Amino acid sequence: MPFFTIVVATFNRGRHIVPTIEAALEQTFTDFELLVIGDGVTDDTLDQVPRGDRRVSVMGLPPPNSGQARPNNAGIAAARGRYVAYLGHDDIWMPDHLAALAQAFEETGCDVAVSGCVYHGPPGTDLLDVTGLFENSEDARRHFFPPTSFAHRLSLAPQIGGWRAPHTIRAPVDADFLLRSVDAGARFVSTGRVTAHKFTAANRCLSYLAQSSDEQRNARDDQVRRYRSLDLRGLC
């Protein structure tokens, strides 16, 4: 039984998924399994996933693509880990991301561990926003944490009914999952460190038509070093 199950839900990311998978495999905390789940993919994304590591598994769900709820639930159903961590297929983790989450779980016994996450603005801008740094568990009701930044105990998902399909709810599926976790009494703890980078597709014009992984690779080479183990708790 690994400590973490990492779930990477993907759709038609092609070769550009490679930097994200490499960022997961380069974690200093190595007790995990990595499930890459294609949600109705119609390209070669799953063939591009590096297979040289025995911790990596690939699963393909039939079309059509339905968003992150279905592949996340499939990952949870297949998970062997005590905790489930999520990694967006176009996002990047710093090498100490899982180590920070594991420390939070072990030291506090929390239900959901959240690391600081940098939202990167559109390419060519210096716009950055940081989320996931908080002091009180109730702050989870007022702030949004992208799935790339958090992990939860495996049993929490069935307790709250898993990830709900987007056509059945009004809130975005990730916000809905977090709010139902709060309502169920889940305890949220921040690592106090920035260990994740998010590159939101909504901020990148036509990103699914003209895909790129340049920002992700640059983050691994440059901005990962800039933010690695950065403690911003005192600034919040």
C-alpha atoms as a PDB file:
ATOM      1  CA  MET A   1       0.000   0.000   0.000  1.00  0.00           C
ATOM      2  CA  PRO A   2       1.719   3.223  -1.129  1.00  0.00           C
ATOM      3  CA  PHE A   3       1.361   6.399   0.890  1.00  0.00           C
ATOM      4  CA  PHE A   4      -0.019   8.371  -2.088  1.00  0.00           C
ATOM      5  CA  THR A   5      -1.979   7.592  -5.197  1.00  0.00           C
ATOM      6  CA  ILE A   6      -1.385  10.375  -7.727  1.00  0.00           C
ATOM      7  CA  VAL A   7      -4.236  10.847 -10.189  1.00  0.00           C
ATOM      8  CA  VAL A   8      -3.513  12.646 -13.461  1.00  0.00           C
ATOM      9  CA  ALA A   9      -6.694  13.117 -15.492  1.00  0.00           C
ATOM     10  CA  THR A  10      -5.927  13.977 -19.097  1.00  0.00           C
ATOM     11  CA  PHE A  11      -7.491  14.669 -22.463  1.00  0.00           C
ATOM     12  CA  ASN A  12      -5.558  15.073 -25.719  1.00  0.00           C
ATOM     13  CA  ARG A  13      -2.419  16.579 -24.197  1.00  0.00           C
ATOM     14  CA  GLY A  14      -0.107  14.597 -26.494  1.00  0.00           C
ATOM     15  CA  ARG A  15       3.639  14.848 -25.911  1.00  0.00           C
ATOM     16  CA  HIS A  16       3.106  17.943 -23.785  1.00  0.00           C
ATOM     17  CA  ILE A  17       2.058  15.759 -20.852  1.00  0.00           C
ATOM     18  CA  VAL A  18       5.661  14.578 -20.435  1.00  0.00           C
ATOM     19  CA  PRO A  19       6.982  17.481 -18.266  1.00  0.00           C
ATOM     20  CA  THR A  20       4.056  17.030 -15.879  1.00  0.00           C
ATOM     21  CA  ILE A  21       4.684  13.291 -15.508  1.00  0.00           C
ATOM     22  CA  GLU A  22       8.408  13.889 -15.068  1.00  0.00           C
ATOM     23  CA  ALA A  23       7.679  16.395 -12.298  1.00  0.00           C
ATOM     24  CA  ALA A  24       5.703  13.699 -10.481  1.00  0.00           C
ATOM     25  CA  LEU A  25       8.382  11.046 -10.908  1.00  0.00           C
ATOM     26  CA  GLU A  26      11.109  13.409  -9.656  1.00  0.00           C
ATOM     27  CA  GLN A  27       9.504  13.838  -6.218  1.00  0.00           C
ATOM     28  CA  THR A  28      11.834  13.507  -3.238  1.00  0.00           C
ATOM     29  CA  PHE A  29       9.040  11.578  -1.483  1.00  0.00           C
ATOM     30  CA  THR A  30       8.925   8.363  -3.476  1.00  0.00           C
ATOM     31  CA  ASP A  31       6.240   6.226  -1.805  1.00  0.00           C
ATOM     32  CA  PHE A  32       3.489   6.610  -4.390  1.00  0.00           C
ATOM     33  CA  GLU A  33       1.736   5.115  -7.387  1.00  0.00           C
ATOM     34  CA  LEU A  34       0.922   7.267 -10.416  1.00  0.00           C
ATOM     35  CA  LEU A  35      -2.318   6.700 -12.335  1.00  0.00           C
ATOM     36  CA  VAL A  36      -2.637   8.524 -15.661  1.00  0.00           C
ATOM     37  CA  ILE A  37      -6.254   8.360 -16.748  1.00  0.00           C
ATOM     38  CA  GLY A  38      -7.277   9.365 -20.240  1.00  0.00           C
ATOM     39  CA  ASP A  39     -10.847  10.605 -20.419  1.00  0.00           C
ATOM     40  CA  GLY A  40     -11.984   9.707 -23.918  1.00  0.00           C
ATOM     41  CA  VAL A  41      -8.665  10.719 -25.504  1.00  0.00           C
ATOM     42  CA  THR A  42      -8.500  10.649 -29.294  1.00  0.00           C
ATOM     43  CA  ASP A  43      -4.774  11.299 -29.755  1.00  0.00           C
ATOM     44  CA  ASP A  44      -1.513   9.677 -28.605  1.00  0.00           C
ATOM     45  CA  THR A  45      -1.408  11.185 -25.107  1.00  0.00           C
ATOM     46  CA  LEU A  46      -1.381   7.840 -23.289  1.00  0.00           C
ATOM     47  CA  ASP A  47       1.385   6.552 -25.577  1.00  0.00           C
ATOM     48  CA  GLN A  48       3.516   9.536 -24.578  1.00  0.00           C
ATOM     49  CA  VAL A  49       3.409   8.720 -20.853  1.00  0.00           C
ATOM     50  CA  PRO A  50       6.851   7.464 -19.733  1.00  0.00           C
ATOM     51  CA  ARG A  51       6.485   3.771 -18.817  1.00  0.00           C
ATOM     52  CA  GLY A  52       9.948   3.020 -17.456  1.00  0.00           C
ATOM     53  CA  ASP A  53       8.879   3.395 -13.825  1.00  0.00           C
ATOM     54  CA  ARG A  54       6.951   0.509 -12.250  1.00  0.00           C
ATOM     55  CA  ARG A  55       4.904   3.018 -10.216  1.00  0.00           C
ATOM     56  CA  VAL A  56       3.214   4.314 -13.385  1.00  0.00           C
ATOM     57  CA  SER A  57      -0.097   2.900 -14.638  1.00  0.00           C
ATOM     58  CA  VAL A  58      -2.235   4.106 -17.534  1.00  0.00           C
ATOM     59  CA  MET A  59      -5.985   3.764 -17.910  1.00  0.00           C
ATOM     60  CA  GLY A  60      -8.154   4.819 -20.841  1.00  0.00           C
ATOM     61  CA  LEU A  61     -11.842   5.652 -20.447  1.00  0.00           C
ATOM     62  CA  PRO A  62     -14.115   5.485 -23.500  1.00  0.00           C
ATOM     63  CA  PRO A  63     -15.322   8.650 -25.271  1.00  0.00           C
ATOM     64  CA  PRO A  64     -16.749  11.148 -24.915  1.00  0.00           C
ATOM     65  CA  ASN A  65     -14.603  13.370 -22.749  1.00  0.00           C
ATOM     66  CA  SER A  66     -16.593  14.445 -19.700  1.00  0.00           C
ATOM     67  CA  GLY A  67     -14.283  16.631 -17.612  1.00  0.00           C
ATOM     68  CA  GLN A  68     -12.327  15.798 -14.495  1.00  0.00           C
ATOM     69  CA  ALA A  69     -15.054  14.143 -12.391  1.00  0.00           C
ATOM     70  CA  ARG A  70     -15.139  10.804 -14.251  1.00  0.00           C
ATOM     71  CA  PRO A  71     -11.361  10.202 -14.431  1.00  0.00           C
ATOM     72  CA  ASN A  72     -10.877  11.375 -10.848  1.00  0.00           C
ATOM     73  CA  ASN A  73     -13.508   8.915  -9.641  1.00  0.00           C
ATOM     74  CA  ALA A  74     -11.901   6.161 -11.727  1.00  0.00           C
ATOM     75  CA  GLY A  75      -8.564   6.952 -10.118  1.00  0.00           C
ATOM     76  CA  ILE A  76     -10.064   6.845  -6.636  1.00  0.00           C
ATOM     77  CA  ALA A  77     -11.715   3.489  -7.390  1.00  0.00           C
ATOM     78  CA  ALA A  78      -8.375   2.039  -8.502  1.00  0.00           C
ATOM     79  CA  ALA A  79      -6.280   3.709  -5.798  1.00  0.00           C
ATOM     80  CA  ARG A  80      -4.183   1.636  -3.420  1.00  0.00           C
ATOM     81  CA  GLY A  81      -2.721   4.610  -1.554  1.00  0.00           C
ATOM     82  CA  ARG A  82      -3.763   5.943   1.838  1.00  0.00           C
ATOM     83  CA  TYR A  83      -4.040   9.436   0.371  1.00  0.00           C
ATOM     84  CA  VAL A  84      -5.015  10.724  -3.080  1.00  0.00           C
ATOM     85  CA  ALA A  85      -3.137  13.607  -4.696  1.00  0.00           C
ATOM     86  CA  TYR A  86      -4.142  15.239  -7.977  1.00  0.00           C
ATOM     87  CA  LEU A  87      -1.917  16.698 -10.682  1.00  0.00           C
ATOM     88  CA  GLY A  88      -3.350  18.643 -13.619  1.00  0.00           C
ATOM     89  CA  HIS A  89      -2.048  17.410 -16.964  1.00  0.00           C
ATOM     90  CA  ASP A  90      -0.585  20.834 -17.728  1.00  0.00           C
ATOM     91  CA  ASP A  91       0.620  21.692 -14.214  1.00  0.00           C
ATOM     92  CA  ILE A  92       3.945  21.212 -12.427  1.00  0.00           C
ATOM     93  CA  TRP A  93       4.987  20.142  -8.938  1.00  0.00           C
ATOM     94  CA  MET A  94       8.193  21.142  -7.243  1.00  0.00           C
ATOM     95  CA  PRO A  95      10.331  18.176  -6.115  1.00  0.00           C
ATOM     96  CA  ASP A  96       9.239  18.556  -2.470  1.00  0.00           C
ATOM     97  CA  HIS A  97       5.482  18.784  -3.084  1.00  0.00           C
ATOM     98  CA  LEU A  98       4.557  15.301  -1.900  1.00  0.00           C
ATOM     99  CA  ALA A  99       7.032  15.536   0.973  1.00  0.00           C
ATOM    100  CA  ALA A 100       5.300  18.682   2.208  1.00  0.00           C
ATOM    101  CA  LEU A 101       1.854  17.075   1.965  1.00  0.00           C
ATOM    102  CA  ALA A 102       3.034  13.889   3.689  1.00  0.00           C
ATOM    103  CA  GLN A 103       4.498  15.925   6.538  1.00  0.00           C
ATOM    104  CA  ALA A 104       1.194  17.731   7.008  1.00  0.00           C
ATOM    105  CA  PHE A 105      -0.742  14.461   7.145  1.00  0.00           C
ATOM    106  CA  GLU A 106       1.649  12.786   9.543  1.00  0.00           C
ATOM    107  CA  GLU A 107       2.080  15.729  11.912  1.00  0.00           C
ATOM    108  CA  THR A 108      -1.541  16.891  12.091  1.00  0.00           C
ATOM    109  CA  GLY A 109      -3.738  13.926  11.155  1.00  0.00           C
ATOM    110  CA  CYS A 110      -5.707  16.219   8.822  1.00  0.00           C
ATOM    111  CA  ASP A 111      -8.152  15.016   6.173  1.00  0.00           C
ATOM    112  CA  VAL A 112      -7.000  17.385   3.422  1.00  0.00           C
ATOM    113  CA  ALA A 113      -3.466  18.773   3.060  1.00  0.00           C
ATOM    114  CA  VAL A 114      -3.008  21.831   0.840  1.00  0.00           C
ATOM    115  CA  SER A 115       0.210  23.323  -0.470  1.00  0.00           C
ATOM    116  CA  GLY A 116       0.700  26.805  -1.781  1.00  0.00           C
ATOM    117  CA  CYS A 117       0.101  27.031  -5.516  1.00  0.00           C
ATOM    118  CA  VAL A 118       1.244  29.709  -7.950  1.00  0.00           C
ATOM    119  CA  TYR A 119      -1.263  30.638 -10.646  1.00  0.00           C
ATOM    120  CA  HIS A 120       0.650  31.831 -13.692  1.00  0.00           C
ATOM    121  CA  GLY A 121      -0.960  34.528 -15.802  1.00  0.00           C
ATOM    122  CA  PRO A 122      -0.929  34.529 -19.611  1.00  0.00           C
ATOM    123  CA  PRO A 123       2.427  33.933 -21.314  1.00  0.00           C
ATOM    124  CA  GLY A 124       4.480  37.084 -21.668  1.00  0.00           C
ATOM    125  CA  THR A 125       3.146  38.617 -18.450  1.00  0.00           C
ATOM    126  CA  ASP A 126       4.532  38.640 -14.917  1.00  0.00           C
ATOM    127  CA  LEU A 127       1.119  38.038 -13.359  1.00  0.00           C
ATOM    128  CA  LEU A 128       1.299  35.610 -10.449  1.00  0.00           C
ATOM    129  CA  ASP A 129      -1.240  34.729  -7.788  1.00  0.00           C
ATOM    130  CA  VAL A 130      -0.689  32.439  -4.809  1.00  0.00           C
ATOM    131  CA  THR A 131      -3.362  30.360  -3.094  1.00  0.00           C
ATOM    132  CA  GLY A 132      -3.342  27.597  -0.504  1.00  0.00           C
ATOM    133  CA  LEU A 133      -1.627  29.394   2.372  1.00  0.00           C
ATOM    134  CA  PHE A 134      -3.964  29.718   5.344  1.00  0.00           C
ATOM    135  CA  GLU A 135      -4.113  29.304   9.114  1.00  0.00           C
ATOM    136  CA  ASN A 136      -7.615  28.027   9.874  1.00  0.00           C
ATOM    137  CA  SER A 137      -9.370  24.975   8.447  1.00  0.00           C
ATOM    138  CA  GLU A 138     -12.543  27.025   7.969  1.00  0.00           C
ATOM    139  CA  ASP A 139     -10.643  29.158   5.448  1.00  0.00           C
ATOM    140  CA  ALA A 140     -11.294  26.320   3.009  1.00  0.00           C
ATOM    141  CA  ARG A 141     -14.867  27.559   2.791  1.00  0.00           C
ATOM    142  CA  ARG A 142     -13.745  30.999   1.591  1.00  0.00           C
ATOM    143  CA  HIS A 143     -10.802  30.132  -0.632  1.00  0.00           C
ATOM    144  CA  PHE A 144     -10.424  27.931  -3.700  1.00  0.00           C
ATOM    145  CA  PHE A 145      -7.576  25.444  -3.946  1.00  0.00           C
ATOM    146  CA  PRO A 146      -6.949  23.825  -7.337  1.00  0.00           C
ATOM    147  CA  PRO A 147      -6.752  20.019  -7.249  1.00  0.00           C
ATOM    148  CA  THR A 148      -3.076  20.212  -8.246  1.00  0.00           C
ATOM    149  CA  SER A 149      -2.366  21.733  -4.833  1.00  0.00           C
ATOM    150  CA  PHE A 150      -4.115  19.316  -2.471  1.00  0.00           C
ATOM    151  CA  ALA A 151      -4.406  15.703  -1.372  1.00  0.00           C
ATOM    152  CA  HIS A 152      -6.984  13.970   0.815  1.00  0.00           C
ATOM    153  CA  ARG A 153      -7.356  10.708   2.696  1.00  0.00           C
ATOM    154  CA  LEU A 154      -8.740   8.065   0.362  1.00  0.00           C
ATOM    155  CA  SER A 155     -11.813   7.395   2.505  1.00  0.00           C
ATOM    156  CA  LEU A 156     -12.970  11.018   2.279  1.00  0.00           C
ATOM    157  CA  ALA A 157     -14.101  10.637  -1.351  1.00  0.00           C
ATOM    158  CA  PRO A 158     -16.693   7.880  -0.811  1.00  0.00           C
ATOM    159  CA  GLN A 159     -17.733   9.587   2.407  1.00  0.00           C
ATOM    160  CA  ILE A 160     -18.901  12.676   0.489  1.00  0.00           C
ATOM    161  CA  GLY A 161     -20.066  10.876  -2.653  1.00  0.00           C
ATOM    162  CA  GLY A 162     -16.964  11.330  -4.801  1.00  0.00           C
ATOM    163  CA  TRP A 163     -16.612  13.858  -7.605  1.00  0.00           C
ATOM    164  CA  ARG A 164     -19.977  14.864  -9.052  1.00  0.00           C
ATOM    165  CA  ALA A 165     -20.613  15.216 -12.773  1.00  0.00           C
ATOM    166  CA  PRO A 166     -20.710  18.845 -13.960  1.00  0.00           C
ATOM    167  CA  HIS A 167     -24.218  18.597 -15.418  1.00  0.00           C
ATOM    168  CA  THR A 168     -25.600  17.646 -11.996  1.00  0.00           C
ATOM    169  CA  ILE A 169     -24.288  20.629 -10.016  1.00  0.00           C
ATOM    170  CA  ARG A 170     -24.131  24.414 -10.252  1.00  0.00           C
ATOM    171  CA  ALA A 171     -20.626  25.007  -8.875  1.00  0.00           C
ATOM    172  CA  PRO A 172     -17.462  23.916 -10.745  1.00  0.00           C
ATOM    173  CA  VAL A 173     -16.705  20.274  -9.952  1.00  0.00           C
ATOM    174  CA  ASP A 174     -13.498  21.025  -8.036  1.00  0.00           C
ATOM    175  CA  ALA A 175     -15.104  23.747  -5.923  1.00  0.00           C
ATOM    176  CA  ASP A 176     -18.070  21.436  -5.291  1.00  0.00           C
ATOM    177  CA  PHE A 177     -15.749  18.670  -4.064  1.00  0.00           C
ATOM    178  CA  LEU A 178     -13.985  21.028  -1.664  1.00  0.00           C
ATOM    179  CA  LEU A 179     -17.174  22.572  -0.292  1.00  0.00           C
ATOM    180  CA  ARG A 180     -18.753  19.174   0.342  1.00  0.00           C
ATOM    181  CA  SER A 181     -15.558  18.144   2.136  1.00  0.00           C
ATOM    182  CA  VAL A 182     -15.838  21.199   4.379  1.00  0.00           C
ATOM    183  CA  ASP A 183     -19.510  20.481   5.035  1.00  0.00           C
ATOM    184  CA  ALA A 184     -18.609  16.900   6.006  1.00  0.00           C
ATOM    185  CA  GLY A 185     -16.287  18.233   8.690  1.00  0.00           C
ATOM    186  CA  ALA A 186     -13.001  17.508   6.922  1.00  0.00           C
ATOM    187  CA  ARG A 187     -10.020  19.202   8.523  1.00  0.00           C
ATOM    188  CA  PHE A 188      -7.859  21.223   6.118  1.00  0.00           C
ATOM    189  CA  VAL A 189      -4.204  22.031   6.858  1.00  0.00           C
ATOM    190  CA  SER A 190      -1.814  24.141   4.770  1.00  0.00           C
ATOM    191  CA  THR A 191       1.789  23.075   4.349  1.00  0.00           C
ATOM    192  CA  GLY A 192       2.798  26.733   4.508  1.00  0.00           C
ATOM    193  CA  ARG A 193       4.994  26.213   1.456  1.00  0.00           C
ATOM    194  CA  VAL A 194       4.578  26.937  -2.243  1.00  0.00           C
ATOM    195  CA  THR A 195       5.190  23.671  -4.075  1.00  0.00           C
ATOM    196  CA  ALA A 196       2.857  23.706  -7.103  1.00  0.00           C
ATOM    197  CA  HIS A 197       2.511  25.684 -10.321  1.00  0.00           C
ATOM    198  CA  LYS A 198      -0.753  26.001 -12.224  1.00  0.00           C
ATOM    199  CA  PHE A 199      -1.026  27.099 -15.846  1.00  0.00           C
ATOM    200  CA  THR A 200      -4.731  27.712 -16.350  1.00  0.00           C
ATOM    201  CA  ALA A 201      -5.947  26.965 -19.868  1.00  0.00           C
ATOM    202  CA  ALA A 202      -8.533  29.761 -19.558  1.00  0.00           C
ATOM    203  CA  ASN A 203      -5.661  32.275 -19.463  1.00  0.00           C
ATOM    204  CA  ARG A 204      -4.069  30.875 -22.607  1.00  0.00           C
ATOM    205  CA  CYS A 205      -5.879  31.712 -25.825  1.00  0.00           C
ATOM    206  CA  LEU A 206      -6.618  28.653 -27.983  1.00  0.00           C
ATOM    207  CA  SER A 207      -4.405  26.560 -25.687  1.00  0.00           C
ATOM    208  CA  TYR A 208      -6.072  23.299 -26.718  1.00  0.00           C
ATOM    209  CA  LEU A 209      -5.608  24.034 -30.425  1.00  0.00           C
ATOM    210  CA  ALA A 210      -1.985  25.186 -30.250  1.00  0.00           C
ATOM    211  CA  GLN A 211      -0.598  23.279 -27.300  1.00  0.00           C
ATOM    212  CA  SER A 212       2.787  23.895 -25.771  1.00  0.00           C
ATOM    213  CA  SER A 213       4.767  22.738 -22.766  1.00  0.00           C
ATOM    214  CA  ASP A 214       7.392  25.490 -22.860  1.00  0.00           C
ATOM    215  CA  GLU A 215       6.070  27.146 -19.697  1.00  0.00           C
ATOM    216  CA  GLN A 216       6.052  23.860 -17.846  1.00  0.00           C
ATOM    217  CA  ARG A 217       9.627  23.065 -18.817  1.00  0.00           C
ATOM    218  CA  ASN A 218      10.734  26.572 -17.898  1.00  0.00           C
ATOM    219  CA  ALA A 219       9.050  26.177 -14.523  1.00  0.00           C
ATOM    220  CA  ARG A 220      11.064  23.060 -13.848  1.00  0.00           C
ATOM    221  CA  ASP A 221      14.312  24.754 -14.860  1.00  0.00           C
ATOM    222  CA  ASP A 222      13.809  28.228 -13.431  1.00  0.00           C
ATOM    223  CA  GLN A 223      10.723  29.040 -11.398  1.00  0.00           C
ATOM    224  CA  VAL A 224      10.829  25.761  -9.472  1.00  0.00           C
ATOM    225  CA  ARG A 225      14.117  26.885  -8.011  1.00  0.00           C
ATOM    226  CA  ARG A 226      12.670  30.318  -7.285  1.00  0.00           C
ATOM    227  CA  TYR A 227       9.730  29.000  -5.278  1.00  0.00           C
ATOM    228  CA  ARG A 228      11.093  25.743  -3.902  1.00  0.00           C
ATOM    229  CA  SER A 229      10.376  25.421  -0.179  1.00  0.00           C
ATOM    230  CA  LEU A 230       9.397  29.099  -0.053  1.00  0.00           C
ATOM    231  CA  ASP A 231       7.571  29.739   3.236  1.00  0.00           C
ATOM    232  CA  LEU A 232       5.003  32.529   2.806  1.00  0.00           C
ATOM    233  CA  ARG A 233       2.875  31.760   5.843  1.00  0.00           C
ATOM    234  CA  GLY A 234       3.931  34.994   7.533  1.00  0.00           C
ATOM    235  CA  LEU A 235       2.704  36.995   4.543  1.00  0.00           C
ATOM    236  CA  CYS A 236      -0.896  35.726   4.728  1.00  0.00           C
END
